[in-house]
């Protein structure tokens, strides 16, 4: 697992919701990180053991689409393992 990385898929839903599907291979799950318009660093969003993670945070500006970026890292117990996933971009829309 030390050289493995998750694969993420973003599915845009109505009302600014983005579902993130992922593989977890032999890991316990993935830590998911996100970054929105105007942010310069990824923030921790969740630890997920089953896909899909649902990002239902409200849009930064009501009625205005925003770009969201996501990445993930496998975890086992309390430790992250492996390589970060490629960054996935989704446009969350009203």
Protein backbone atom coordinates (compact mmCIF):
# COMPACT_ATOMS: atom_id res chain seq x y z
CA UNK A 1 0.00 0.00 0.00
CA UNK A 2 2.93 2.39 0.44
CA UNK A 3 3.06 3.10 -3.31
CA UNK A 4 -0.70 2.96 -3.99
CA UNK A 5 -3.04 5.92 -4.40
CA UNK A 6 -6.82 6.28 -4.37
CA UNK A 7 -8.77 6.98 -7.53
CA UNK A 8 -11.50 9.61 -7.18
CA UNK A 9 -14.55 10.35 -9.33
CA UNK A 10 -16.65 13.50 -8.87
CA UNK A 11 -20.38 13.40 -9.62
CA UNK A 12 -22.06 16.81 -9.60
CA UNK A 13 -25.61 16.86 -8.24
CA UNK A 14 -28.18 19.69 -7.99
CA UNK A 15 -28.09 22.35 -5.27
CA UNK A 16 -24.27 22.56 -5.01
CA UNK A 17 -23.85 18.94 -3.95
CA UNK A 18 -20.85 16.90 -5.15
CA UNK A 19 -20.53 13.15 -4.57
CA UNK A 20 -16.99 11.75 -4.47
CA UNK A 21 -16.67 8.06 -5.32
CA UNK A 22 -13.39 6.33 -4.52
CA UNK A 23 -11.61 3.00 -4.32
CA UNK A 24 -10.11 2.00 -1.00
CA UNK A 25 -8.18 -1.11 -2.11
CA UNK A 26 -6.89 -2.88 1.05
CA UNK A 27 -6.99 0.26 3.21
CA UNK A 28 -9.52 0.92 5.95
CA UNK A 29 -10.72 3.99 4.04
CA UNK A 30 -9.67 7.38 2.72
CA UNK A 31 -9.17 10.83 4.18
CA UNK A 32 -10.78 13.33 1.82
CA UNK A 33 -9.49 16.87 1.41
CA UNK A 34 -11.10 19.76 -0.46
CA UNK A 35 -10.39 23.26 -1.69
CA UNK A 36 -12.93 25.80 -2.98
CA UNK A 37 -12.73 29.04 -4.97
CA UNK A 38 -10.49 31.54 -3.20
CA UNK A 39 -8.80 28.95 -0.96
CA UNK A 40 -5.09 28.26 -1.34
CA UNK A 41 -4.69 25.04 0.66
CA UNK A 42 -6.64 21.81 0.94
CA UNK A 43 -8.72 21.33 4.10
CA UNK A 44 -9.59 18.02 5.71
CA UNK A 45 -13.24 17.14 4.99
CA UNK A 46 -13.82 13.58 6.20
CA UNK A 47 -12.62 10.05 6.87
CA UNK A 48 -14.70 7.67 4.78
CA UNK A 49 -14.77 3.88 4.84
CA UNK A 50 -17.51 3.49 2.22
CA UNK A 51 -18.06 5.40 -1.01
CA UNK A 52 -19.48 7.86 -1.78
CA UNK A 53 -18.57 10.93 0.25
CA UNK A 54 -21.23 13.64 -0.16
CA UNK A 55 -20.00 17.23 -0.06
CA UNK A 56 -23.16 19.14 0.73
CA UNK A 57 -21.57 22.36 1.99
CA UNK A 58 -23.54 25.41 0.85
CA UNK A 59 -22.16 27.37 -2.07
CA UNK A 60 -19.88 30.25 -1.02
CA UNK A 61 -22.13 32.68 -2.91
CA UNK A 62 -25.77 31.62 -3.14
CA UNK A 63 -26.83 31.01 -6.73
CA UNK A 64 -23.28 31.20 -8.12
CA UNK A 65 -21.35 28.12 -9.34
CA UNK A 66 -17.97 27.41 -7.74
CA UNK A 67 -14.98 25.26 -8.52
CA UNK A 68 -14.15 22.59 -5.96
CA UNK A 69 -11.01 20.46 -5.94
CA UNK A 70 -10.67 17.16 -4.10
CA UNK A 71 -7.89 14.74 -3.24
CA UNK A 72 -7.64 11.73 -0.93
CA UNK A 73 -5.10 9.56 0.89
CA UNK A 74 -5.61 6.01 2.16
CA UNK A 75 -5.63 5.39 5.90
CA UNK A 76 -5.23 2.35 8.13
CA UNK A 77 -6.01 2.96 11.79
CA UNK A 78 -4.96 6.53 12.52
CA UNK A 79 -2.15 6.66 9.94
CA UNK A 80 -2.25 7.81 6.35
CA UNK A 81 -0.55 5.41 3.96
CA UNK A 82 0.40 5.52 0.32
CA UNK A 83 0.39 8.40 -2.12
CA UNK A 84 -2.18 11.18 -2.47
CA UNK A 85 -4.69 10.76 -5.28
CA UNK A 86 -4.70 12.93 -8.35
CA UNK A 87 -6.73 16.11 -7.83
CA UNK A 88 -10.30 15.92 -9.16
CA UNK A 89 -12.13 19.11 -10.11
CA UNK A 90 -15.91 19.61 -10.00
CA UNK A 91 -18.06 22.67 -10.69
CA UNK A 92 -20.73 22.81 -7.98
CA UNK A 93 -23.77 24.65 -9.32
CA UNK A 94 -27.06 25.86 -7.83
